Amino acid sequence: MRIRFATILNHILIYLDCVIHSPILAKSIYHR
């Protein structure tokens, strides 16, 4: 259970990192 939560948290951090480094792409995904 703890490992799965860590994996989900890791994916969230990667997603946030992508959003910060590419706001234009993030807006495109958000509008879809």
C-alpha atoms as a PDB file:
ATOM      1  CA  MET A   1       0.000   0.000   0.000  1.00  0.00           C
ATOM      2  CA  ARG A   2       2.780   2.400   0.916  1.00  0.00           C
ATOM      3  CA  ILE A   3       4.736   1.520  -2.231  1.00  0.00           C
ATOM      4  CA  ARG A   4       1.687   2.165  -4.408  1.00  0.00           C
ATOM      5  CA  PHE A   5       1.104   5.540  -2.753  1.00  0.00           C
ATOM      6  CA  ALA A   6       4.747   6.473  -3.336  1.00  0.00           C
ATOM      7  CA  THR A   7       4.392   5.517  -6.993  1.00  0.00           C
ATOM      8  CA  ILE A   8       1.301   7.699  -7.407  1.00  0.00           C
ATOM      9  CA  LEU A   9       3.030  10.566  -5.619  1.00  0.00           C
ATOM     10  CA  ASN A  10       6.034  10.159  -7.913  1.00  0.00           C
ATOM     11  CA  HIS A  11       3.784  10.393 -10.991  1.00  0.00           C
ATOM     12  CA  ILE A  12       2.213  13.556  -9.592  1.00  0.00           C
ATOM     13  CA  LEU A  13       5.630  15.117  -9.051  1.00  0.00           C
ATOM     14  CA  ILE A  14       6.657  14.242 -12.619  1.00  0.00           C
ATOM     15  CA  TYR A  15       3.414  15.755 -13.941  1.00  0.00           C
ATOM     16  CA  LEU A  16       3.952  18.944 -11.937  1.00  0.00           C
ATOM     17  CA  ASP A  17       7.540  19.126 -13.202  1.00  0.00           C
ATOM     18  CA  CYS A  18       6.276  18.881 -16.790  1.00  0.00           C
ATOM     19  CA  VAL A  19       3.669  21.580 -16.137  1.00  0.00           C
ATOM     20  CA  ILE A  20       6.294  23.938 -14.729  1.00  0.00           C
ATOM     21  CA  HIS A  21       8.723  23.373 -17.580  1.00  0.00           C
ATOM     22  CA  SER A  22       6.145  23.452 -20.389  1.00  0.00           C
ATOM     23  CA  PRO A  23       3.146  25.658 -19.511  1.00  0.00           C
ATOM     24  CA  ILE A  24       2.013  25.839 -23.142  1.00  0.00           C
ATOM     25  CA  LEU A  25       1.754  22.057 -23.403  1.00  0.00           C
ATOM     26  CA  ALA A  26       0.039  21.924 -20.018  1.00  0.00           C
ATOM     27  CA  LYS A  27      -2.592  24.428 -21.199  1.00  0.00           C
ATOM     28  CA  SER A  28      -3.190  22.339 -24.311  1.00  0.00           C
ATOM     29  CA  ILE A  29      -3.766  19.222 -22.201  1.00  0.00           C
ATOM     30  CA  TYR A  30      -5.950  21.155 -19.741  1.00  0.00           C
ATOM     31  CA  HIS A  31      -8.221  22.511 -22.470  1.00  0.00           C
ATOM     32  CA  ARG A  32      -8.868  19.022 -23.860  1.00  0.00           C
END
